PDB file of N, CA and C in Angstrom:
ATOM      1  N   MET A   1     108.178 106.420 111.655  1.00  0.00           N
ATOM      2  CA  MET A   1     106.849 106.160 111.416  1.00  0.00           C
ATOM      3  C   MET A   1     106.790 105.238 110.171  1.00  0.00           C
ATOM      4  N   ASN A   2     106.000 104.127 110.258  1.00  0.00           N
ATOM      5  CA  ASN A   2     105.956 103.165 109.050  1.00  0.00           C
ATOM      6  C   ASN A   2     105.105 103.818 108.017  1.00  0.00           C
ATOM      7  N   GLN A   3     105.394 103.235 106.772  1.00  0.00           N
ATOM      8  CA  GLN A   3     104.803 103.627 105.517  1.00  0.00           C
ATOM      9  C   GLN A   3     103.240 103.590 105.702  1.00  0.00           C
ATOM     10  N   GLU A   4     102.669 102.683 106.220  1.00  0.00           N
ATOM     11  CA  GLU A   4     101.251 102.561 106.390  1.00  0.00           C
ATOM     12  C   GLU A   4     100.576 103.734 107.028  1.00  0.00           C
ATOM     13  N   ARG A   5     101.200 104.164 108.213  1.00  0.00           N
ATOM     14  CA  ARG A   5     100.695 105.215 108.875  1.00  0.00           C
ATOM     15  C   ARG A   5     100.978 106.462 108.217  1.00  0.00           C
ATOM     16  N   ILE A   6     101.877 106.725 107.402  1.00  0.00           N
ATOM     17  CA  ILE A   6     101.930 107.836 106.463  1.00  0.00           C
ATOM     18  C   ILE A   6     100.674 108.025 105.618  1.00  0.00           C
ATOM     19  N   PHE A   7     100.312 107.022 104.975  1.00  0.00           N
ATOM     20  CA  PHE A   7      99.144 106.973 104.155  1.00  0.00           C
ATOM     21  C   PHE A   7      97.967 107.209 104.801  1.00  0.00           C
ATOM     22  N   GLN A   8      97.908 106.883 106.092  1.00  0.00           N
ATOM     23  CA  GLN A   8      96.618 106.961 107.080  1.00  0.00           C
ATOM     24  C   GLN A   8      96.538 108.553 107.333  1.00  0.00           C
ATOM     25  N   VAL A   9      97.805 109.083 107.697  1.00  0.00           N
ATOM     26  CA  VAL A   9      97.616 110.486 108.134  1.00  0.00           C
ATOM     27  C   VAL A   9      97.455 111.470 106.932  1.00  0.00           C
ATOM     28  N   LEU A  10      98.202 111.278 105.964  1.00  0.00           N
ATOM     29  CA  LEU A  10      98.049 112.257 104.731  1.00  0.00           C
ATOM     30  C   LEU A  10      96.939 111.619 103.764  1.00  0.00           C
ATOM     31  N   LEU A  11      95.814 112.115 103.755  1.00  0.00           N
ATOM     32  CA  LEU A  11      94.636 111.709 102.782  1.00  0.00           C
ATOM     33  C   LEU A  11      94.810 112.058 101.373  1.00  0.00           C
ATOM     34  N   SER A  12      94.975 113.479 101.271  1.00  0.00           N
ATOM     35  CA  SER A  12      95.187 114.021  99.781  1.00  0.00           C
ATOM     36  C   SER A  12      95.569 115.245  99.915  1.00  0.00           C
ATOM     37  N   PRO A  13      96.198 115.931  98.893  1.00  0.00           N
ATOM     38  CA  PRO A  13      96.351 117.247  98.649  1.00  0.00           C
ATOM     39  C   PRO A  13      94.994 118.048  98.582  1.00  0.00           C
ATOM     40  N   HIS A  14      94.721 119.236  99.231  1.00  0.00           N
ATOM     41  CA  HIS A  14      93.418 119.791  98.997  1.00  0.00           C
ATOM     42  C   HIS A  14      93.603 120.944  98.077  1.00  0.00           C
ATOM     43  N   VAL A  15      92.857 120.714  96.834  1.00  0.00           N
ATOM     44  CA  VAL A  15      92.977 121.713  95.889  1.00  0.00           C
ATOM     45  C   VAL A  15      91.635 122.655  95.871  1.00  0.00           C
ATOM     46  N   SER A  16      91.907 123.879  95.803  1.00  0.00           N
ATOM     47  CA  SER A  16      90.851 124.824  95.896  1.00  0.00           C
ATOM     48  C   SER A  16      91.491 126.199  95.456  1.00  0.00           C
ATOM     49  N   GLU A  17      90.704 127.156  95.238  1.00  0.00           N
ATOM     50  CA  GLU A  17      91.248 128.561  94.926  1.00  0.00           C
ATOM     51  C   GLU A  17      92.042 129.145  96.156  1.00  0.00           C
ATOM     52  N   LYS A  18      91.514 128.956  97.268  1.00  0.00           N
ATOM     53  CA  LYS A  18      92.206 129.403  98.518  1.00  0.00           C
ATOM     54  C   LYS A  18      93.520 128.805  98.501  1.00  0.00           C
ATOM     55  N   ALA A  19      93.486 127.503  98.546  1.00  0.00           N
ATOM     56  CA  ALA A  19      94.748 126.743  98.705  1.00  0.00           C
ATOM     57  C   ALA A  19      95.697 127.208  97.592  1.00  0.00           C
ATOM     58  N   SER A  20      95.189 127.586  96.451  1.00  0.00           N
ATOM     59  CA  SER A  20      96.183 127.969  95.372  1.00  0.00           C
ATOM     60  C   SER A  20      96.899 129.123  95.733  1.00  0.00           C
ATOM     61  N   VAL A  21      96.119 130.249  96.330  1.00  0.00           N
ATOM     62  CA  VAL A  21      96.385 131.575  96.667  1.00  0.00           C
ATOM     63  C   VAL A  21      97.375 131.255  97.887  1.00  0.00           C
ATOM     64  N   VAL A  22      97.215 130.494  98.859  1.00  0.00           N
ATOM     65  CA  VAL A  22      98.038 130.446  99.892  1.00  0.00           C
ATOM     66  C   VAL A  22      99.355 129.754  99.580  1.00  0.00           C
ATOM     67  N   ALA A  23      99.395 128.861  98.607  1.00  0.00           N
ATOM     68  CA  ALA A  23     100.516 128.214  97.931  1.00  0.00           C
ATOM     69  C   ALA A  23     101.415 129.334  97.308  1.00  0.00           C
ATOM     70  N   ASP A  24     100.858 130.160  96.630  1.00  0.00           N
ATOM     71  CA  ASP A  24     101.655 131.143  95.933  1.00  0.00           C
ATOM     72  C   ASP A  24     102.223 132.155  96.913  1.00  0.00           C
ATOM     73  N   LYS A  25     101.226 132.744  97.656  1.00  0.00           N
ATOM     74  CA  LYS A  25     101.586 133.844  98.526  1.00  0.00           C
ATOM     75  C   LYS A  25     102.487 133.502  99.846  1.00  0.00           C
ATOM     76  N   ASN A  26     102.030 132.399 100.563  1.00  0.00           N
ATOM     77  CA  ASN A  26     102.743 132.042 101.589  1.00  0.00           C
ATOM     78  C   ASN A  26     103.654 130.811 101.563  1.00  0.00           C
ATOM     79  N   GLU A  27     103.806 130.328 100.490  1.00  0.00           N
ATOM     80  CA  GLU A  27     104.655 129.106 100.059  1.00  0.00           C
ATOM     81  C   GLU A  27     104.219 127.913 101.122  1.00  0.00           C
ATOM     82  N   GLN A  28     103.021 127.654 101.321  1.00  0.00           N
ATOM     83  CA  GLN A  28     102.390 126.689 102.101  1.00  0.00           C
ATOM     84  C   GLN A  28     101.645 125.600 101.214  1.00  0.00           C
ATOM     85  N   TYR A  29     101.422 124.449 101.590  1.00  0.00           N
ATOM     86  CA  TYR A  29     100.813 123.443 100.836  1.00  0.00           C
ATOM     87  C   TYR A  29      99.592 122.980 101.800  1.00  0.00           C
ATOM     88  N   VAL A  30      98.533 122.677 101.193  1.00  0.00           N
ATOM     89  CA  VAL A  30      97.377 122.314 102.005  1.00  0.00           C
ATOM     90  C   VAL A  30      96.862 120.775 101.786  1.00  0.00           C
ATOM     91  N   PHE A  31      96.714 120.059 102.819  1.00  0.00           N
ATOM     92  CA  PHE A  31      96.527 118.627 102.838  1.00  0.00           C
ATOM     93  C   PHE A  31      95.175 118.326 103.604  1.00  0.00           C
ATOM     94  N   LYS A  32      94.335 117.382 103.186  1.00  0.00           N
ATOM     95  CA  LYS A  32      93.423 116.712 103.954  1.00  0.00           C
ATOM     96  C   LYS A  32      94.107 115.601 104.739  1.00  0.00           C
ATOM     97  N   VAL A  33      93.866 115.669 106.075  1.00  0.00           N
ATOM     98  CA  VAL A  33      94.561 114.822 106.994  1.00  0.00           C
ATOM     99  C   VAL A  33      93.623 113.895 107.852  1.00  0.00           C
ATOM    100  N   ALA A  34      94.080 112.856 108.535  1.00  0.00           N
ATOM    101  CA  ALA A  34      93.177 112.294 109.423  1.00  0.00           C
ATOM    102  C   ALA A  34      92.867 112.968 110.501  1.00  0.00           C
ATOM    103  N   ARG A  35      91.642 112.879 111.007  1.00  0.00           N
ATOM    104  CA  ARG A  35      91.178 113.704 112.118  1.00  0.00           C
ATOM    105  C   ARG A  35      91.842 113.412 113.505  1.00  0.00           C
ATOM    106  N   ASP A  36      92.511 112.184 113.516  1.00  0.00           N
ATOM    107  CA  ASP A  36      93.267 112.102 114.808  1.00  0.00           C
ATOM    108  C   ASP A  36      94.908 112.226 114.559  1.00  0.00           C
ATOM    109  N   ALA A  37      95.126 112.866 113.432  1.00  0.00           N
ATOM    110  CA  ALA A  37      96.589 113.047 113.273  1.00  0.00           C
ATOM    111  C   ALA A  37      97.303 114.423 113.840  1.00  0.00           C
ATOM    112  N   SER A  38      98.376 114.139 114.521  1.00  0.00           N
ATOM    113  CA  SER A  38      98.909 115.363 115.261  1.00  0.00           C
ATOM    114  C   SER A  38      99.732 116.049 114.485  1.00  0.00           C
ATOM    115  N   LYS A  39     100.284 117.365 114.609  1.00  0.00           N
ATOM    116  CA  LYS A  39     101.146 118.176 113.881  1.00  0.00           C
ATOM    117  C   LYS A  39     102.385 117.442 113.723  1.00  0.00           C
ATOM    118  N   ARG A  40     102.812 116.908 114.543  1.00  0.00           N
ATOM    119  CA  ARG A  40     104.163 116.000 114.656  1.00  0.00           C
ATOM    120  C   ARG A  40     104.014 115.048 113.599  1.00  0.00           C
ATOM    121  N   GLU A  41     102.825 114.210 113.660  1.00  0.00           N
ATOM    122  CA  GLU A  41     102.625 113.162 112.612  1.00  0.00           C
ATOM    123  C   GLU A  41     102.743 113.667 111.241  1.00  0.00           C
ATOM    124  N   ILE A  42     102.019 114.827 110.972  1.00  0.00           N
ATOM    125  CA  ILE A  42     101.796 115.277 109.760  1.00  0.00           C
ATOM    126  C   ILE A  42     103.227 115.898 109.270  1.00  0.00           C
ATOM    127  N   LYS A  43     103.853 116.496 110.067  1.00  0.00           N
ATOM    128  CA  LYS A  43     105.304 116.886 109.740  1.00  0.00           C
ATOM    129  C   LYS A  43     106.188 115.845 109.308  1.00  0.00           C
ATOM    130  N   ILE A  44     106.139 114.720 109.969  1.00  0.00           N
ATOM    131  CA  ILE A  44     106.986 113.591 109.656  1.00  0.00           C
ATOM    132  C   ILE A  44     106.491 112.851 108.412  1.00  0.00           C
ATOM    133  N   ALA A  45     105.246 112.724 108.210  1.00  0.00           N
ATOM    134  CA  ALA A  45     104.548 112.159 106.967  1.00  0.00           C
ATOM    135  C   ALA A  45     105.078 112.933 105.867  1.00  0.00           C
ATOM    136  N   VAL A  46     104.892 114.279 105.786  1.00  0.00           N
ATOM    137  CA  VAL A  46     105.238 114.980 104.602  1.00  0.00           C
ATOM    138  C   VAL A  46     106.761 114.965 104.348  1.00  0.00           C
ATOM    139  N   GLU A  47     107.523 115.134 105.408  1.00  0.00           N
ATOM    140  CA  GLU A  47     108.982 115.101 105.245  1.00  0.00           C
ATOM    141  C   GLU A  47     109.435 113.627 104.556  1.00  0.00           C
ATOM    142  N   GLN A  48     108.837 112.595 105.069  1.00  0.00           N
ATOM    143  CA  GLN A  48     109.293 111.150 104.507  1.00  0.00           C
ATOM    144  C   GLN A  48     108.672 110.926 103.065  1.00  0.00           C
ATOM    145  N   LEU A  49     107.408 111.295 102.957  1.00  0.00           N
ATOM    146  CA  LEU A  49     106.788 111.163 101.566  1.00  0.00           C
ATOM    147  C   LEU A  49     107.520 111.842 100.460  1.00  0.00           C
ATOM    148  N   PHE A  50     107.588 113.187 100.716  1.00  0.00           N
ATOM    149  CA  PHE A  50     108.014 114.262  99.695  1.00  0.00           C
ATOM    150  C   PHE A  50     109.561 114.389  99.737  1.00  0.00           C
ATOM    151  N   ASP A  51     110.198 114.137 100.617  1.00  0.00           N
ATOM    152  CA  ASP A  51     111.763 114.245 100.872  1.00  0.00           C
ATOM    153  C   ASP A  51     112.078 115.803 100.976  1.00  0.00           C
ATOM    154  N   VAL A  52     111.327 116.543 101.772  1.00  0.00           N
ATOM    155  CA  VAL A  52     111.502 117.963 102.029  1.00  0.00           C
ATOM    156  C   VAL A  52     111.643 118.183 103.502  1.00  0.00           C
ATOM    157  N   LYS A  53     112.109 119.505 103.759  1.00  0.00           N
ATOM    158  CA  LYS A  53     112.145 119.882 105.398  1.00  0.00           C
ATOM    159  C   LYS A  53     110.936 120.786 105.558  1.00  0.00           C
ATOM    160  N   VAL A  54     110.092 120.372 106.657  1.00  0.00           N
ATOM    161  CA  VAL A  54     108.926 121.096 106.877  1.00  0.00           C
ATOM    162  C   VAL A  54     109.311 122.019 108.099  1.00  0.00           C
ATOM    163  N   GLU A  55     108.941 123.430 108.066  1.00  0.00           N
ATOM    164  CA  GLU A  55     109.232 124.312 108.883  1.00  0.00           C
ATOM    165  C   GLU A  55     108.004 124.363 110.096  1.00  0.00           C
ATOM    166  N   ALA A  56     106.853 124.499 109.474  1.00  0.00           N
ATOM    167  CA  ALA A  56     105.685 124.585 110.451  1.00  0.00           C
ATOM    168  C   ALA A  56     104.439 123.816 109.967  1.00  0.00           C
ATOM    169  N   VAL A  57     103.544 123.457 110.808  1.00  0.00           N
ATOM    170  CA  VAL A  57     102.368 122.832 110.521  1.00  0.00           C
ATOM    171  C   VAL A  57     101.161 123.499 111.194  1.00  0.00           C
ATOM    172  N   GLN A  58     100.119 123.978 110.405  1.00  0.00           N
ATOM    173  CA  GLN A  58      98.985 124.521 111.051  1.00  0.00           C
ATOM    174  C   GLN A  58      97.800 123.643 110.796  1.00  0.00           C
ATOM    175  N   THR A  59      97.200 123.399 111.804  1.00  0.00           N
ATOM    176  CA  THR A  59      95.809 122.449 111.459  1.00  0.00           C
ATOM    177  C   THR A  59      94.698 123.197 111.869  1.00  0.00           C
ATOM    178  N   LEU A  60      93.405 122.643 111.310  1.00  0.00           N
ATOM    179  CA  LEU A  60      92.142 123.186 111.654  1.00  0.00           C
ATOM    180  C   LEU A  60      91.053 122.215 111.369  1.00  0.00           C
ATOM    181  N   ASN A  61      90.230 122.092 112.087  1.00  0.00           N
ATOM    182  CA  ASN A  61      88.898 121.266 111.893  1.00  0.00           C
ATOM    183  C   ASN A  61      87.812 121.921 111.052  1.00  0.00           C
ATOM    184  N   VAL A  62      87.381 121.182 110.046  1.00  0.00           N
ATOM    185  CA  VAL A  62      86.521 121.773 109.174  1.00  0.00           C
ATOM    186  C   VAL A  62      85.175 121.066 109.456  1.00  0.00           C
ATOM    187  N   LYS A  63      84.254 121.939 109.758  1.00  0.00           N
ATOM    188  CA  LYS A  63      82.799 121.343 110.197  1.00  0.00           C
ATOM    189  C   LYS A  63      82.064 120.904 108.901  1.00  0.00           C
ATOM    190  N   GLY A  64      81.369 119.804 108.882  1.00  0.00           N
ATOM    191  CA  GLY A  64      80.579 119.429 107.720  1.00  0.00           C
ATOM    192  C   GLY A  64      79.366 120.245 107.544  1.00  0.00           C
ATOM    193  N   LYS A  65      78.923 120.532 106.358  1.00  0.00           N
ATOM    194  CA  LYS A  65      77.743 121.447 106.027  1.00  0.00           C
ATOM    195  C   LYS A  65      76.573 120.628 106.147  1.00  0.00           C
ATOM    196  N   LYS A  66      75.382 121.142 106.667  1.00  0.00           N
ATOM    197  CA  LYS A  66      74.210 120.606 106.597  1.00  0.00           C
ATOM    198  C   LYS A  66      73.586 120.765 105.438  1.00  0.00           C
ATOM    199  N   LYS A  67      73.027 119.489 104.833  1.00  0.00           N
ATOM    200  CA  LYS A  67      72.460 119.490 103.526  1.00  0.00           C
ATOM    201  C   LYS A  67      71.052 118.992 103.720  1.00  0.00           C
ATOM    202  N   VAL A  68      70.192 119.371 102.658  1.00  0.00           N
ATOM    203  CA  VAL A  68      68.743 118.934 102.643  1.00  0.00           C
ATOM    204  C   VAL A  68      68.634 118.133 101.263  1.00  0.00           C
ATOM    205  N   PHE A  69      68.185 116.985 101.376  1.00  0.00           N
ATOM    206  CA  PHE A  69      67.941 116.224 100.134  1.00  0.00           C
ATOM    207  C   PHE A  69      66.333 116.010 100.046  1.00  0.00           C
ATOM    208  N   GLY A  70      65.630 116.763  99.434  1.00  0.00           N
ATOM    209  CA  GLY A  70      64.234 116.780  99.334  1.00  0.00           C
ATOM    210  C   GLY A  70      63.743 116.916 100.810  1.00  0.00           C
ATOM    211  N   ARG A  71      62.977 115.864 101.294  1.00  0.00           N
ATOM    212  CA  ARG A  71      62.634 115.882 102.693  1.00  0.00           C
ATOM    213  C   ARG A  71      63.603 115.356 103.844  1.00  0.00           C
ATOM    214  N   VAL A  72      64.569 114.953 103.355  1.00  0.00           N
ATOM    215  CA  VAL A  72      65.569 114.318 104.090  1.00  0.00           C
ATOM    216  C   VAL A  72      66.698 115.369 104.599  1.00  0.00           C
ATOM    217  N   GLN A  73      67.009 115.597 105.752  1.00  0.00           N
ATOM    218  CA  GLN A  73      68.182 116.245 106.042  1.00  0.00           C
ATOM    219  C   GLN A  73      69.439 115.550 106.366  1.00  0.00           C
ATOM    220  N   GLY A  74      70.595 115.919 106.054  1.00  0.00           N
ATOM    221  CA  GLY A  74      71.718 115.083 106.169  1.00  0.00           C
ATOM    222  C   GLY A  74      72.956 116.127 106.526  1.00  0.00           C
ATOM    223  N   LYS A  75      74.135 115.503 106.766  1.00  0.00           N
ATOM    224  CA  LYS A  75      75.204 116.458 107.171  1.00  0.00           C
ATOM    225  C   LYS A  75      76.523 115.657 106.665  1.00  0.00           C
ATOM    226  N   ARG A  76      77.257 116.436 105.925  1.00  0.00           N
ATOM    227  CA  ARG A  76      78.614 116.138 105.446  1.00  0.00           C
ATOM    228  C   ARG A  76      79.435 115.884 106.493  1.00  0.00           C
ATOM    229  N   SER A  77      80.467 115.071 106.248  1.00  0.00           N
ATOM    230  CA  SER A  77      81.390 114.668 107.504  1.00  0.00           C
ATOM    231  C   SER A  77      82.294 115.776 107.699  1.00  0.00           C
ATOM    232  N   ASP A  78      82.635 115.775 109.193  1.00  0.00           N
ATOM    233  CA  ASP A  78      83.918 116.865 109.536  1.00  0.00           C
ATOM    234  C   ASP A  78      84.933 116.209 109.063  1.00  0.00           C
ATOM    235  N   TRP A  79      86.042 117.230 108.662  1.00  0.00           N
ATOM    236  CA  TRP A  79      87.372 116.654 108.272  1.00  0.00           C
ATOM    237  C   TRP A  79      88.398 117.670 108.767  1.00  0.00           C
ATOM    238  N   LYS A  80      89.689 117.254 108.838  1.00  0.00           N
ATOM    239  CA  LYS A  80      90.788 118.066 109.235  1.00  0.00           C
ATOM    240  C   LYS A  80      91.538 118.451 108.097  1.00  0.00           C
ATOM    241  N   LYS A  81      92.120 119.856 108.090  1.00  0.00           N
ATOM    242  CA  LYS A  81      92.918 120.316 107.175  1.00  0.00           C
ATOM    243  C   LYS A  81      94.333 120.751 107.744  1.00  0.00           C
ATOM    244  N   ALA A  82      95.325 120.615 106.970  1.00  0.00           N
ATOM    245  CA  ALA A  82      96.783 120.895 107.422  1.00  0.00           C
ATOM    246  C   ALA A  82      97.325 121.997 106.411  1.00  0.00           C
ATOM    247  N   TYR A  83      97.819 123.092 107.027  1.00  0.00           N
ATOM    248  CA  TYR A  83      98.604 123.977 106.208  1.00  0.00           C
ATOM    249  C   TYR A  83     100.148 123.734 106.537  1.00  0.00           C
ATOM    250  N   VAL A  84     100.912 123.180 105.486  1.00  0.00           N
ATOM    251  CA  VAL A  84     102.176 122.759 105.883  1.00  0.00           C
ATOM    252  C   VAL A  84     103.141 123.931 105.098  1.00  0.00           C
ATOM    253  N   SER A  85     104.204 124.557 106.056  1.00  0.00           N
ATOM    254  CA  SER A  85     105.121 125.581 105.549  1.00  0.00           C
ATOM    255  C   SER A  85     106.495 124.725 105.354  1.00  0.00           C
ATOM    256  N   LEU A  86     107.149 124.976 104.221  1.00  0.00           N
ATOM    257  CA  LEU A  86     108.372 124.265 103.943  1.00  0.00           C
ATOM    258  C   LEU A  86     109.555 125.354 104.264  1.00  0.00           C
ATOM    259  N   GLN A  87     110.747 124.771 104.682  1.00  0.00           N
ATOM    260  CA  GLN A  87     111.773 125.666 104.584  1.00  0.00           C
ATOM    261  C   GLN A  87     112.265 126.154 103.413  1.00  0.00           C
ATOM    262  N   ALA A  88     112.947 127.459 103.582  1.00  0.00           N
ATOM    263  CA  ALA A  88     113.164 128.190 102.168  1.00  0.00           C
ATOM    264  C   ALA A  88     113.882 127.206 101.113  1.00  0.00           C
ATOM    265  N   GLY A  89     113.727 127.268  99.896  1.00  0.00           N
ATOM    266  CA  GLY A  89     114.177 126.557  98.833  1.00  0.00           C
ATOM    267  C   GLY A  89     113.664 125.190  98.892  1.00  0.00           C
ATOM    268  N   GLN A  90     112.691 124.840  99.471  1.00  0.00           N
ATOM    269  CA  GLN A  90     112.063 123.612  99.442  1.00  0.00           C
ATOM    270  C   GLN A  90     110.831 123.657  98.539  1.00  0.00           C
ATOM    271  N   ASP A  91     110.311 122.623  97.811  1.00  0.00           N
ATOM    272  CA  ASP A  91     109.273 122.641  96.926  1.00  0.00           C
ATOM    273  C   ASP A  91     108.636 121.298  96.948  1.00  0.00           C
ATOM    274  N   ILE A  92     107.375 121.023  96.835  1.00  0.00           N
ATOM    275  CA  ILE A  92     106.689 119.756  96.588  1.00  0.00           C
ATOM    276  C   ILE A  92     106.147 119.739  95.169  1.00  0.00           C
ATOM    277  N   ASP A  93     106.483 118.729  94.339  1.00  0.00           N
ATOM    278  CA  ASP A  93     105.925 118.515  92.978  1.00  0.00           C
ATOM    279  C   ASP A  93     105.045 117.375  93.120  1.00  0.00           C
ATOM    280  N   PHE A  94     103.719 117.431  93.063  1.00  0.00           N
ATOM    281  CA  PHE A  94     102.731 116.379  93.246  1.00  0.00           C
ATOM    282  C   PHE A  94     102.762 115.438  92.112  1.00  0.00           C
ATOM    283  N   LEU A  95     103.276 116.007  91.019  1.00  0.00           N
ATOM    284  CA  LEU A  95     103.184 115.034  89.887  1.00  0.00           C
ATOM    285  C   LEU A  95     104.347 114.125  89.840  1.00  0.00           C
ATOM    286  N   ALA A  96     105.430 114.370  90.515  1.00  0.00           N
ATOM    287  CA  ALA A  96     106.605 113.583  90.578  1.00  0.00           C
ATOM    288  C   ALA A  96     106.774 112.767  91.779  1.00  0.00           C
ATOM    289  N   ALA A  97     105.873 113.007  92.660  1.00  0.00           N
ATOM    290  CA  ALA A  97     105.806 112.239  93.957  1.00  0.00           C
ATOM    291  C   ALA A  97     105.485 110.578  93.716  1.00  0.00           C
ATOM    292  N   GLU A  98     106.241 110.053  94.548  1.00  0.00           N
ATOM    293  CA  GLU A  98     106.030 108.677  94.343  1.00  0.00           C
ATOM    294  C   GLU A  98     104.727 108.091  94.907  1.00  0.00           C
TER     295      GLU A  98
END
């Protein structure tokens, strides 16, 4: 996979309370990913970008919320989330990542 596609697949780490609990309890990391990204692409992208071994990838599509702005109704965009499990002894340090 070329470097350009890696950055198209992995958009950002997803930081939330639930993501922090999952990271501590299950040793998983949560990423926002492209909606057309496959599990295989996500696995390869994480392995190449962070130099770790990925054990499993779980994905889910997050539906955008409906919002009301005064009299105007709108909708946030749908997005895709990936839970990445690393092999034992592996760790991702987001501050030291290139």
